[in-house]
Amino acid sequence: MNDAQASYTVTLVPTEWRFDAGADEAVVAAAARAGIRMPASCRNGTCRTCMCFLVEGEVAYPGGRPGLTADEISEGWILPCVGRARSDLRIELPDAELAAPSAPRPIMVGPRR
């Protein structure tokens, strides 16, 4: 399987909501497809609205990492609006919300809110 066909599990902390993200899609887009709304605005990595902490895993950025300083990168901050999963991920994101009731639902393994 090549990278474009790969799929990874993304787990949001502290809710423990899980969804799959393809290697060729932004993490925010994969969350939306799963019925989860993550904070995001510009969708190009410059506004930093989506900035969150990567607890575990690896994220790649097509075209570099706009909007992050070298210190933020080394501390573990990511921009999921442009970042692509390259492994299973655990992301600290207490601001995530469920989308409209008619949207697909994520796999919920933690407390329901």
PDB file of N, CA and C in Angstrom:
ATOM      1  N   MET A   1       0.856  -1.175   0.000  1.00  0.00           N
ATOM      2  CA  MET A   1       0.000   0.000   0.000  1.00  0.00           C
ATOM      3  C   MET A   1       0.899   1.234   0.000  1.00  0.00           C
ATOM      4  N   ASN A   2       0.660   2.183  -0.916  1.00  0.00           N
ATOM      5  CA  ASN A   2       1.468   3.398  -0.917  1.00  0.00           C
ATOM      6  C   ASN A   2       0.894   4.408   0.072  1.00  0.00           C
ATOM      7  N   ASP A   3       1.656   5.480   0.345  1.00  0.00           N
ATOM      8  CA  ASP A   3       1.233   6.472   1.336  1.00  0.00           C
ATOM      9  C   ASP A   3      -0.132   7.066   1.042  1.00  0.00           C
ATOM     10  N   ALA A   4      -0.442   7.324  -0.226  1.00  0.00           N
ATOM     11  CA  ALA A   4      -1.720   7.945  -0.571  1.00  0.00           C
ATOM     12  C   ALA A   4      -2.897   7.045  -0.206  1.00  0.00           C
ATOM     13  N   GLN A   5      -2.692   5.724  -0.157  1.00  0.00           N
ATOM     14  CA  GLN A   5      -3.766   4.800   0.181  1.00  0.00           C
ATOM     15  C   GLN A   5      -3.824   4.495   1.673  1.00  0.00           C
ATOM     16  N   ALA A   6      -2.806   4.868   2.424  1.00  0.00           N
ATOM     17  CA  ALA A   6      -2.743   4.550   3.849  1.00  0.00           C
ATOM     18  C   ALA A   6      -3.833   5.290   4.613  1.00  0.00           C
ATOM     19  N   SER A   7      -4.267   4.677   5.692  1.00  0.00           N
ATOM     20  CA  SER A   7      -5.251   5.285   6.581  1.00  0.00           C
ATOM     21  C   SER A   7      -4.775   5.090   8.010  1.00  0.00           C
ATOM     22  N   TYR A   8      -4.960   6.115   8.816  1.00  0.00           N
ATOM     23  CA  TYR A   8      -4.484   6.091  10.190  1.00  0.00           C
ATOM     24  C   TYR A   8      -5.617   6.455  11.138  1.00  0.00           C
ATOM     25  N   THR A   9      -5.520   5.983  12.372  1.00  0.00           N
ATOM     26  CA  THR A   9      -6.508   6.302  13.395  1.00  0.00           C
ATOM     27  C   THR A   9      -6.050   7.547  14.149  1.00  0.00           C
ATOM     28  N   VAL A  10      -6.951   8.516  14.245  1.00  0.00           N
ATOM     29  CA  VAL A  10      -6.689   9.740  15.002  1.00  0.00           C
ATOM     30  C   VAL A  10      -7.559   9.680  16.249  1.00  0.00           C
ATOM     31  N   THR A  11      -6.955   9.865  17.409  1.00  0.00           N
ATOM     32  CA  THR A  11      -7.676   9.885  18.679  1.00  0.00           C
ATOM     33  C   THR A  11      -7.542  11.272  19.279  1.00  0.00           C
ATOM     34  N   LEU A  12      -8.674  11.864  19.646  1.00  0.00           N
ATOM     35  CA  LEU A  12      -8.675  13.183  20.275  1.00  0.00           C
ATOM     36  C   LEU A  12      -8.698  13.023  21.788  1.00  0.00           C
ATOM     37  N   VAL A  13      -7.854  13.776  22.450  1.00  0.00           N
ATOM     38  CA  VAL A  13      -7.758  13.773  23.899  1.00  0.00           C
ATOM     39  C   VAL A  13      -8.361  15.090  24.396  1.00  0.00           C
ATOM     40  N   PRO A  14      -9.221  15.150  25.363  1.00  0.00           N
ATOM     41  CA  PRO A  14      -9.524  14.122  26.351  1.00  0.00           C
ATOM     42  C   PRO A  14     -10.759  13.272  26.040  1.00  0.00           C
ATOM     43  N   THR A  15     -11.471  13.526  24.956  1.00  0.00           N
ATOM     44  CA  THR A  15     -12.729  12.820  24.690  1.00  0.00           C
ATOM     45  C   THR A  15     -12.529  11.365  24.298  1.00  0.00           C
ATOM     46  N   GLU A  16     -11.342  11.039  23.759  1.00  0.00           N
ATOM     47  CA  GLU A  16     -11.044   9.710  23.219  1.00  0.00           C
ATOM     48  C   GLU A  16     -11.900   9.385  21.994  1.00  0.00           C
ATOM     49  N   TRP A  17     -12.432  10.407  21.313  1.00  0.00           N
ATOM     50  CA  TRP A  17     -13.127  10.191  20.046  1.00  0.00           C
ATOM     51  C   TRP A  17     -12.094   9.776  19.018  1.00  0.00           C
ATOM     52  N   ARG A  18     -12.475   8.835  18.149  1.00  0.00           N
ATOM     53  CA  ARG A  18     -11.552   8.320  17.146  1.00  0.00           C
ATOM     54  C   ARG A  18     -12.170   8.413  15.762  1.00  0.00           C
ATOM     55  N   PHE A  19     -11.299   8.653  14.785  1.00  0.00           N
ATOM     56  CA  PHE A  19     -11.724   8.653  13.389  1.00  0.00           C
ATOM     57  C   PHE A  19     -10.535   8.286  12.525  1.00  0.00           C
ATOM     58  N   ASP A  20     -10.822   7.860  11.311  1.00  0.00           N
ATOM     59  CA  ASP A  20      -9.768   7.504  10.363  1.00  0.00           C
ATOM     60  C   ASP A  20      -9.411   8.707   9.510  1.00  0.00           C
ATOM     61  N   ALA A  21      -8.126   8.848   9.220  1.00  0.00           N
ATOM     62  CA  ALA A  21      -7.632   9.910   8.344  1.00  0.00           C
ATOM     63  C   ALA A  21      -6.750   9.283   7.277  1.00  0.00           C
ATOM     64  N   GLY A  22      -7.071   9.543   6.030  1.00  0.00           N
ATOM     65  CA  GLY A  22      -6.230   9.082   4.939  1.00  0.00           C
ATOM     66  C   GLY A  22      -4.958   9.902   4.880  1.00  0.00           C
ATOM     67  N   ALA A  23      -3.899   9.303   4.378  1.00  0.00           N
ATOM     68  CA  ALA A  23      -2.614   9.993   4.293  1.00  0.00           C
ATOM     69  C   ALA A  23      -2.653  11.177   3.340  1.00  0.00           C
ATOM     70  N   ASP A  24      -3.649  11.215   2.456  1.00  0.00           N
ATOM     71  CA  ASP A  24      -3.739  12.291   1.471  1.00  0.00           C
ATOM     72  C   ASP A  24      -4.743  13.372   1.848  1.00  0.00           C
ATOM     73  N   GLU A  25      -5.270  13.351   3.087  1.00  0.00           N
ATOM     74  CA  GLU A  25      -6.231  14.384   3.481  1.00  0.00           C
ATOM     75  C   GLU A  25      -5.803  15.055   4.774  1.00  0.00           C
ATOM     76  N   ALA A  26      -6.150  16.327   4.904  1.00  0.00           N
ATOM     77  CA  ALA A  26      -5.850  17.059   6.127  1.00  0.00           C
ATOM     78  C   ALA A  26      -6.631  16.457   7.286  1.00  0.00           C
ATOM     79  N   VAL A  27      -6.047  16.482   8.463  1.00  0.00           N
ATOM     80  CA  VAL A  27      -6.680  15.907   9.647  1.00  0.00           C
ATOM     81  C   VAL A  27      -8.022  16.587   9.927  1.00  0.00           C
ATOM     82  N   VAL A  28      -8.107  17.902   9.756  1.00  0.00           N
ATOM     83  CA  VAL A  28      -9.371  18.622   9.972  1.00  0.00           C
ATOM     84  C   VAL A  28     -10.455  18.115   9.012  1.00  0.00           C
ATOM     85  N   ALA A  29     -10.099  17.869   7.766  1.00  0.00           N
ATOM     86  CA  ALA A  29     -11.071  17.358   6.790  1.00  0.00           C
ATOM     87  C   ALA A  29     -11.529  15.954   7.160  1.00  0.00           C
ATOM     88  N   ALA A  30     -10.610  15.115   7.625  1.00  0.00           N
ATOM     89  CA  ALA A  30     -10.975  13.762   8.046  1.00  0.00           C
ATOM     90  C   ALA A  30     -11.914  13.805   9.246  1.00  0.00           C
ATOM     91  N   ALA A  31     -11.654  14.715  10.175  1.00  0.00           N
ATOM     92  CA  ALA A  31     -12.536  14.869  11.341  1.00  0.00           C
ATOM     93  C   ALA A  31     -13.937  15.285  10.901  1.00  0.00           C
ATOM     94  N   ALA A  32     -14.012  16.232   9.988  1.00  0.00           N
ATOM     95  CA  ALA A  32     -15.320  16.702   9.499  1.00  0.00           C
ATOM     96  C   ALA A  32     -16.087  15.558   8.842  1.00  0.00           C
ATOM     97  N   ARG A  33     -15.389  14.743   8.082  1.00  0.00           N
ATOM     98  CA  ARG A  33     -16.018  13.597   7.437  1.00  0.00           C
ATOM     99  C   ARG A  33     -16.584  12.632   8.473  1.00  0.00           C
ATOM    100  N   ALA A  34     -15.947  12.569   9.655  1.00  0.00           N
ATOM    101  CA  ALA A  34     -16.380  11.671  10.731  1.00  0.00           C
ATOM    102  C   ALA A  34     -17.407  12.317  11.660  1.00  0.00           C
ATOM    103  N   GLY A  35     -17.805  13.559  11.373  1.00  0.00           N
ATOM    104  CA  GLY A  35     -18.808  14.210  12.206  1.00  0.00           C
ATOM    105  C   GLY A  35     -18.245  14.967  13.390  1.00  0.00           C
ATOM    106  N   ILE A  36     -16.964  15.324  13.318  1.00  0.00           N
ATOM    107  CA  ILE A  36     -16.319  16.083  14.386  1.00  0.00           C
ATOM    108  C   ILE A  36     -15.885  17.431  13.841  1.00  0.00           C
ATOM    109  N   ARG A  37     -16.208  18.476  14.574  1.00  0.00           N
ATOM    110  CA  ARG A  37     -15.806  19.824  14.185  1.00  0.00           C
ATOM    111  C   ARG A  37     -14.597  20.225  15.032  1.00  0.00           C
ATOM    112  N   MET A  38     -13.477  20.447  14.338  1.00  0.00           N
ATOM    113  CA  MET A  38     -12.264  20.932  14.990  1.00  0.00           C
ATOM    114  C   MET A  38     -12.147  22.423  14.691  1.00  0.00           C
ATOM    115  N   PRO A  39     -11.635  23.218  15.638  1.00  0.00           N
ATOM    116  CA  PRO A  39     -11.449  24.633  15.347  1.00  0.00           C
ATOM    117  C   PRO A  39     -10.557  24.818  14.125  1.00  0.00           C
ATOM    118  N   ALA A  40     -10.990  25.625  13.172  1.00  0.00           N
ATOM    119  CA  ALA A  40     -10.209  25.910  11.960  1.00  0.00           C
ATOM    120  C   ALA A  40     -10.815  27.125  11.288  1.00  0.00           C
ATOM    121  N   SER A  41     -10.004  27.865  10.576  1.00  0.00           N
ATOM    122  CA  SER A  41     -10.502  29.041   9.883  1.00  0.00           C
ATOM    123  C   SER A  41      -9.945  29.122   8.472  1.00  0.00           C
ATOM    124  N   CYS A  42      -8.651  29.395   8.334  1.00  0.00           N
ATOM    125  CA  CYS A  42      -8.078  29.675   7.017  1.00  0.00           C
ATOM    126  C   CYS A  42      -7.895  28.439   6.149  1.00  0.00           C
ATOM    127  N   ARG A  43      -7.691  27.289   6.744  1.00  0.00           N
ATOM    128  CA  ARG A  43      -7.450  26.015   6.051  1.00  0.00           C
ATOM    129  C   ARG A  43      -6.183  26.020   5.195  1.00  0.00           C
ATOM    130  N   ASN A  44      -5.256  26.967   5.480  1.00  0.00           N
ATOM    131  CA  ASN A  44      -3.978  26.952   4.764  1.00  0.00           C
ATOM    132  C   ASN A  44      -2.778  27.063   5.706  1.00  0.00           C
ATOM    133  N   GLY A  45      -3.024  26.981   7.012  1.00  0.00           N
ATOM    134  CA  GLY A  45      -1.935  26.935   7.985  1.00  0.00           C
ATOM    135  C   GLY A  45      -1.373  28.254   8.439  1.00  0.00           C
ATOM    136  N   THR A  46      -2.027  29.367   8.124  1.00  0.00           N
ATOM    137  CA  THR A  46      -1.449  30.652   8.514  1.00  0.00           C
ATOM    138  C   THR A  46      -2.143  31.328   9.698  1.00  0.00           C
ATOM    139  N   CYS A  47      -3.421  31.051   9.934  1.00  0.00           N
ATOM    140  CA  CYS A  47      -4.138  31.783  10.994  1.00  0.00           C
ATOM    141  C   CYS A  47      -3.915  31.196  12.383  1.00  0.00           C
ATOM    142  N   ARG A  48      -3.508  29.932  12.470  1.00  0.00           N
ATOM    143  CA  ARG A  48      -3.206  29.233  13.720  1.00  0.00           C
ATOM    144  C   ARG A  48      -4.444  28.896  14.566  1.00  0.00           C
ATOM    145  N   THR A  49      -5.636  29.081  14.032  1.00  0.00           N
ATOM    146  CA  THR A  49      -6.859  28.751  14.768  1.00  0.00           C
ATOM    147  C   THR A  49      -6.887  27.269  15.136  1.00  0.00           C
ATOM    148  N   CYS A  50      -6.380  26.425  14.266  1.00  0.00           N
ATOM    149  CA  CYS A  50      -6.434  24.975  14.470  1.00  0.00           C
ATOM    150  C   CYS A  50      -5.277  24.443  15.310  1.00  0.00           C
ATOM    151  N   MET A  51      -4.301  25.271  15.640  1.00  0.00           N
ATOM    152  CA  MET A  51      -3.084  24.816  16.312  1.00  0.00           C
ATOM    153  C   MET A  51      -3.416  24.008  17.562  1.00  0.00           C
ATOM    154  N   CYS A  52      -2.846  22.802  17.637  1.00  0.00           N
ATOM    155  CA  CYS A  52      -3.077  21.947  18.787  1.00  0.00           C
ATOM    156  C   CYS A  52      -1.837  21.100  19.044  1.00  0.00           C
ATOM    157  N   PHE A  53      -1.860  20.382  20.152  1.00  0.00           N
ATOM    158  CA  PHE A  53      -0.675  19.635  20.589  1.00  0.00           C
ATOM    159  C   PHE A  53      -0.753  18.176  20.162  1.00  0.00           C
ATOM    160  N   LEU A  54       0.297  17.713  19.517  1.00  0.00           N
ATOM    161  CA  LEU A  54       0.408  16.321  19.103  1.00  0.00           C
ATOM    162  C   LEU A  54       1.012  15.526  20.256  1.00  0.00           C
ATOM    163  N   VAL A  55       0.196  14.687  20.882  1.00  0.00           N
ATOM    164  CA  VAL A  55       0.650  13.868  22.000  1.00  0.00           C
ATOM    165  C   VAL A  55       1.507  12.718  21.502  1.00  0.00           C
ATOM    166  N   GLU A  56       1.092  12.137  20.371  1.00  0.00           N
ATOM    167  CA  GLU A  56       1.781  10.965  19.845  1.00  0.00           C
ATOM    168  C   GLU A  56       1.527  10.845  18.354  1.00  0.00           C
ATOM    169  N   GLY A  57       2.546  10.456  17.606  1.00  0.00           N
ATOM    170  CA  GLY A  57       2.386  10.226  16.181  1.00  0.00           C
ATOM    171  C   GLY A  57       3.231  11.159  15.337  1.00  0.00           C
ATOM    172  N   GLU A  58       3.010  11.070  14.026  1.00  0.00           N
ATOM    173  CA  GLU A  58       3.779  11.871  13.073  1.00  0.00           C
ATOM    174  C   GLU A  58       2.840  12.509  12.055  1.00  0.00           C
ATOM    175  N   VAL A  59       3.064  13.797  11.805  1.00  0.00           N
ATOM    176  CA  VAL A  59       2.265  14.565  10.848  1.00  0.00           C
ATOM    177  C   VAL A  59       3.200  15.143   9.799  1.00  0.00           C
ATOM    178  N   ALA A  60       2.778  15.114   8.535  1.00  0.00           N
ATOM    179  CA  ALA A  60       3.546  15.702   7.438  1.00  0.00           C
ATOM    180  C   ALA A  60       2.774  16.889   6.877  1.00  0.00           C
ATOM    181  N   TYR A  61       3.501  17.834   6.294  1.00  0.00           N
ATOM    182  CA  TYR A  61       2.916  19.037   5.715  1.00  0.00           C
ATOM    183  C   TYR A  61       3.360  19.199   4.277  1.00  0.00           C
ATOM    184  N   PRO A  62       2.434  19.117   3.330  1.00  0.00           N
ATOM    185  CA  PRO A  62       2.829  19.388   1.943  1.00  0.00           C
ATOM    186  C   PRO A  62       3.230  20.859   1.824  1.00  0.00           C
ATOM    187  N   GLY A  63       4.397  21.128   1.337  1.00  0.00           N
ATOM    188  CA  GLY A  63       4.829  22.513   1.167  1.00  0.00           C
ATOM    189  C   GLY A  63       5.382  23.172   2.411  1.00  0.00           C
ATOM    190  N   GLY A  64       5.726  22.430   3.448  1.00  0.00           N
ATOM    191  CA  GLY A  64       6.307  23.015   4.650  1.00  0.00           C
ATOM    192  C   GLY A  64       5.291  23.232   5.758  1.00  0.00           C
ATOM    193  N   ARG A  65       5.716  23.915   6.812  1.00  0.00           N
ATOM    194  CA  ARG A  65       4.883  24.138   7.989  1.00  0.00           C
ATOM    195  C   ARG A  65       4.613  25.627   8.204  1.00  0.00           C
ATOM    196  N   PRO A  66       3.730  26.211   7.441  1.00  0.00           N
ATOM    197  CA  PRO A  66       3.441  27.630   7.639  1.00  0.00           C
ATOM    198  C   PRO A  66       2.764  27.857   8.983  1.00  0.00           C
ATOM    199  N   GLY A  67       3.062  28.969   9.600  1.00  0.00           N
ATOM    200  CA  GLY A  67       2.367  29.331  10.831  1.00  0.00           C
ATOM    201  C   GLY A  67       2.938  28.771  12.104  1.00  0.00           C
ATOM    202  N   LEU A  68       3.995  27.971  12.058  1.00  0.00           N
ATOM    203  CA  LEU A  68       4.618  27.428  13.264  1.00  0.00           C
ATOM    204  C   LEU A  68       6.067  27.878  13.352  1.00  0.00           C
ATOM    205  N   THR A  69       6.483  28.257  14.553  1.00  0.00           N
ATOM    206  CA  THR A  69       7.891  28.591  14.763  1.00  0.00           C
ATOM    207  C   THR A  69       8.672  27.295  14.986  1.00  0.00           C
ATOM    208  N   ALA A  70       9.985  27.381  14.895  1.00  0.00           N
ATOM    209  CA  ALA A  70      10.836  26.212  15.143  1.00  0.00           C
ATOM    210  C   ALA A  70      10.627  25.692  16.560  1.00  0.00           C
ATOM    211  N   ASP A  71      10.483  26.603  17.531  1.00  0.00           N
ATOM    212  CA  ASP A  71      10.242  26.184  18.918  1.00  0.00           C
ATOM    213  C   ASP A  71       8.912  25.450  19.054  1.00  0.00           C
ATOM    214  N   GLU A  72       7.859  25.951  18.420  1.00  0.00           N
ATOM    215  CA  GLU A  72       6.547  25.297  18.494  1.00  0.00           C
ATOM    216  C   GLU A  72       6.605  23.901  17.885  1.00  0.00           C
ATOM    217  N   ILE A  73       7.310  23.772  16.783  1.00  0.00           N
ATOM    218  CA  ILE A  73       7.452  22.470  16.133  1.00  0.00           C
ATOM    219  C   ILE A  73       8.164  21.497  17.070  1.00  0.00           C
ATOM    220  N   SER A  74       9.256  21.943  17.681  1.00  0.00           N
ATOM    221  CA  SER A  74      10.009  21.048  18.572  1.00  0.00           C
ATOM    222  C   SER A  74       9.229  20.717  19.839  1.00  0.00           C
ATOM    223  N   GLU A  75       8.317  21.591  20.256  1.00  0.00           N
ATOM    224  CA  GLU A  75       7.485  21.328  21.436  1.00  0.00           C
ATOM    225  C   GLU A  75       6.349  20.352  21.129  1.00  0.00           C
ATOM    226  N   GLY A  76       6.003  20.178  19.850  1.00  0.00           N
ATOM    227  CA  GLY A  76       4.960  19.228  19.492  1.00  0.00           C
ATOM    228  C   GLY A  76       3.669  19.842  18.968  1.00  0.00           C
ATOM    229  N   TRP A  77       3.661  21.137  18.681  1.00  0.00           N
ATOM    230  CA  TRP A  77       2.453  21.782  18.157  1.00  0.00           C
ATOM    231  C   TRP A  77       2.293  21.458  16.683  1.00  0.00           C
ATOM    232  N   ILE A  78       1.049  21.295  16.244  1.00  0.00           N
ATOM    233  CA  ILE A  78       0.751  20.982  14.853  1.00  0.00           C
ATOM    234  C   ILE A  78      -0.367  21.869  14.324  1.00  0.00           C
ATOM    235  N   LEU A  79      -0.510  21.870  12.999  1.00  0.00           N
ATOM    236  CA  LEU A  79      -1.600  22.569  12.313  1.00  0.00           C
ATOM    237  C   LEU A  79      -2.399  21.519  11.542  1.00  0.00           C
ATOM    238  N   PRO A  80      -3.456  20.969  12.144  1.00  0.00           N
ATOM    239  CA  PRO A  80      -4.200  19.893  11.493  1.00  0.00           C
ATOM    240  C   PRO A  80      -5.011  20.325  10.281  1.00  0.00           C
ATOM    241  N   CYS A  81      -5.143  21.623  10.031  1.00  0.00           N
ATOM    242  CA  CYS A  81      -5.874  22.053   8.831  1.00  0.00           C
ATOM    243  C   CYS A  81      -5.082  21.754   7.564  1.00  0.00           C
ATOM    244  N   VAL A  82      -3.762  21.643   7.680  1.00  0.00           N
ATOM    245  CA  VAL A  82      -2.914  21.302   6.535  1.00  0.00           C
ATOM    246  C   VAL A  82      -2.099  20.038   6.776  1.00  0.00           C
ATOM    247  N   GLY A  83      -2.007  19.592   8.023  1.00  0.00           N
ATOM    248  CA  GLY A  83      -1.215  18.417   8.357  1.00  0.00           C
ATOM    249  C   GLY A  83      -1.882  17.127   7.927  1.00  0.00           C
ATOM    250  N   ARG A  84      -1.063  16.191   7.456  1.00  0.00           N
ATOM    251  CA  ARG A  84      -1.511  14.859   7.032  1.00  0.00           C
ATOM    252  C   ARG A  84      -0.914  13.825   7.974  1.00  0.00           C
ATOM    253  N   ALA A  85      -1.715  12.880   8.419  1.00  0.00           N
ATOM    254  CA  ALA A  85      -1.231  11.812   9.301  1.00  0.00           C
ATOM    255  C   ALA A  85      -0.236  10.935   8.560  1.00  0.00           C
ATOM    256  N   ARG A  86       0.834  10.580   9.243  1.00  0.00           N
ATOM    257  CA  ARG A  86       1.806   9.635   8.716  1.00  0.00           C
ATOM    258  C   ARG A  86       1.961   8.432   9.649  1.00  0.00           C
ATOM    259  N   SER A  87       1.109   8.413  10.682  1.00  0.00           N
ATOM    260  CA  SER A  87       1.028   7.307  11.630  1.00  0.00           C
ATOM    261  C   SER A  87      -0.274   7.509  12.392  1.00  0.00           C
ATOM    262  N   ASP A  88      -0.631   6.576  13.261  1.00  0.00           N
ATOM    263  CA  ASP A  88      -1.761   6.830  14.148  1.00  0.00           C
ATOM    264  C   ASP A  88      -1.401   8.039  15.006  1.00  0.00           C
ATOM    265  N   LEU A  89      -2.404   8.861  15.325  1.00  0.00           N
ATOM    266  CA  LEU A  89      -2.167  10.106  16.061  1.00  0.00           C
ATOM    267  C   LEU A  89      -2.992  10.169  17.336  1.00  0.00           C
ATOM    268  N   ARG A  90      -2.446  10.815  18.350  1.00  0.00           N
ATOM    269  CA  ARG A  90      -3.189  11.246  19.538  1.00  0.00           C
ATOM    270  C   ARG A  90      -2.989  12.756  19.606  1.00  0.00           C
ATOM    271  N   ILE A  91      -4.095  13.494  19.548  1.00  0.00           N
ATOM    272  CA  ILE A  91      -4.041  14.946  19.513  1.00  0.00           C
ATOM    273  C   ILE A  91      -4.813  15.504  20.697  1.00  0.00           C
ATOM    274  N   GLU A  92      -4.189  16.406  21.441  1.00  0.00           N
ATOM    275  CA  GLU A  92      -4.873  17.072  22.548  1.00  0.00           C
ATOM    276  C   GLU A  92      -5.739  18.183  21.969  1.00  0.00           C
ATOM    277  N   LEU A  93      -7.041  18.016  22.087  1.00  0.00           N
ATOM    278  CA  LEU A  93      -7.967  18.969  21.487  1.00  0.00           C
ATOM    279  C   LEU A  93      -9.271  19.027  22.276  1.00  0.00           C
ATOM    280  N   PRO A  94      -9.275  19.742  23.408  1.00  0.00           N
ATOM    281  CA  PRO A  94     -10.494  19.811  24.220  1.00  0.00           C
ATOM    282  C   PRO A  94     -11.620  20.604  23.554  1.00  0.00           C
ATOM    283  N   ASP A  95     -11.322  21.365  22.477  1.00  0.00           N
ATOM    284  CA  ASP A  95     -12.333  22.208  21.820  1.00  0.00           C
ATOM    285  C   ASP A  95     -13.123  21.485  20.737  1.00  0.00           C
ATOM    286  N   ALA A  96     -12.851  20.225  20.491  1.00  0.00           N
ATOM    287  CA  ALA A  96     -13.575  19.491  19.439  1.00  0.00           C
ATOM    288  C   ALA A  96     -15.048  19.368  19.823  1.00  0.00           C
ATOM    289  N   GLU A  97     -15.909  19.416  18.803  1.00  0.00           N
ATOM    290  CA  GLU A  97     -17.352  19.299  19.019  1.00  0.00           C
ATOM    291  C   GLU A  97     -17.922  18.313  18.016  1.00  0.00           C
ATOM    292  N   LEU A  98     -19.043  17.730  18.363  1.00  0.00           N
ATOM    293  CA  LEU A  98     -19.745  16.895  17.400  1.00  0.00           C
ATOM    294  C   LEU A  98     -20.483  17.802  16.439  1.00  0.00           C
ATOM    295  N   ALA A  99     -20.509  17.428  15.184  1.00  0.00           N
ATOM    296  CA  ALA A  99     -21.226  18.196  14.161  1.00  0.00           C
ATOM    297  C   ALA A  99     -22.729  17.949  14.314  1.00  0.00           C
ATOM    298  N   ALA A 100     -23.485  18.416  13.374  1.00  0.00           N
ATOM    299  CA  ALA A 100     -24.946  18.291  13.395  1.00  0.00           C
ATOM    300  C   ALA A 100     -25.365  16.839  13.596  1.00  0.00           C
ATOM    301  N   PRO A 101     -26.513  16.607  14.229  1.00  0.00           N
ATOM    302  CA  PRO A 101     -26.967  15.239  14.507  1.00  0.00           C
ATOM    303  C   PRO A 101     -27.076  14.346  13.278  1.00  0.00           C
ATOM    304  N   SER A 102     -27.293  14.900  12.097  1.00  0.00           N
ATOM    305  CA  SER A 102     -27.427  14.075  10.898  1.00  0.00           C
ATOM    306  C   SER A 102     -26.077  13.658  10.316  1.00  0.00           C
ATOM    307  N   ALA A 103     -24.984  14.224  10.833  1.00  0.00           N
ATOM    308  CA  ALA A 103     -23.652  13.899  10.320  1.00  0.00           C
ATOM    309  C   ALA A 103     -23.218  12.517  10.802  1.00  0.00           C
ATOM    310  N   PRO A 104     -22.285  11.884  10.087  1.00  0.00           N
ATOM    311  CA  PRO A 104     -21.748  10.603  10.558  1.00  0.00           C
ATOM    312  C   PRO A 104     -21.130  10.784  11.939  1.00  0.00           C
ATOM    313  N   ARG A 105     -21.107   9.748  12.722  1.00  0.00           N
ATOM    314  CA  ARG A 105     -20.585   9.820  14.082  1.00  0.00           C
ATOM    315  C   ARG A 105     -19.207   9.193  14.197  1.00  0.00           C
ATOM    316  N   PRO A 106     -18.325   9.791  15.019  1.00  0.00           N
ATOM    317  CA  PRO A 106     -17.025   9.178  15.276  1.00  0.00           C
ATOM    318  C   PRO A 106     -17.216   7.964  16.182  1.00  0.00           C
ATOM    319  N   ILE A 107     -16.191   7.164  16.275  1.00  0.00           N
ATOM    320  CA  ILE A 107     -16.205   6.071  17.226  1.00  0.00           C
ATOM    321  C   ILE A 107     -15.933   6.684  18.583  1.00  0.00           C
ATOM    322  N   MET A 108     -16.858   6.541  19.509  1.00  0.00           N
ATOM    323  CA  MET A 108     -16.707   7.141  20.823  1.00  0.00           C
ATOM    324  C   MET A 108     -16.351   6.057  21.826  1.00  0.00           C
ATOM    325  N   VAL A 109     -15.176   6.161  22.376  1.00  0.00           N
ATOM    326  CA  VAL A 109     -14.751   5.172  23.347  1.00  0.00           C
ATOM    327  C   VAL A 109     -14.604   5.768  24.726  1.00  0.00           C
ATOM    328  N   GLY A 110     -14.725   7.072  24.808  1.00  0.00           N
ATOM    329  CA  GLY A 110     -14.582   7.755  26.087  1.00  0.00           C
ATOM    330  C   GLY A 110     -15.925   8.278  26.557  1.00  0.00           C
ATOM    331  N   PRO A 111     -15.903   9.180  27.526  1.00  0.00           N
ATOM    332  CA  PRO A 111     -17.157   9.748  28.043  1.00  0.00           C
ATOM    333  C   PRO A 111     -17.878  10.537  26.960  1.00  0.00           C
ATOM    334  N   ARG A 112     -19.168  10.394  26.930  1.00  0.00           N
ATOM    335  CA  ARG A 112     -19.968  11.159  25.967  1.00  0.00           C
ATOM    336  C   ARG A 112     -20.283  12.516  26.557  1.00  0.00           C
ATOM    337  N   ARG A 113     -20.239  13.531  25.694  1.00  0.00           N
ATOM    338  CA  ARG A 113     -20.532  14.897  26.141  1.00  0.00           C
ATOM    339  C   ARG A 113     -21.812  15.373  25.564  1.00  0.00           C
TER     340      ARG A 113
END
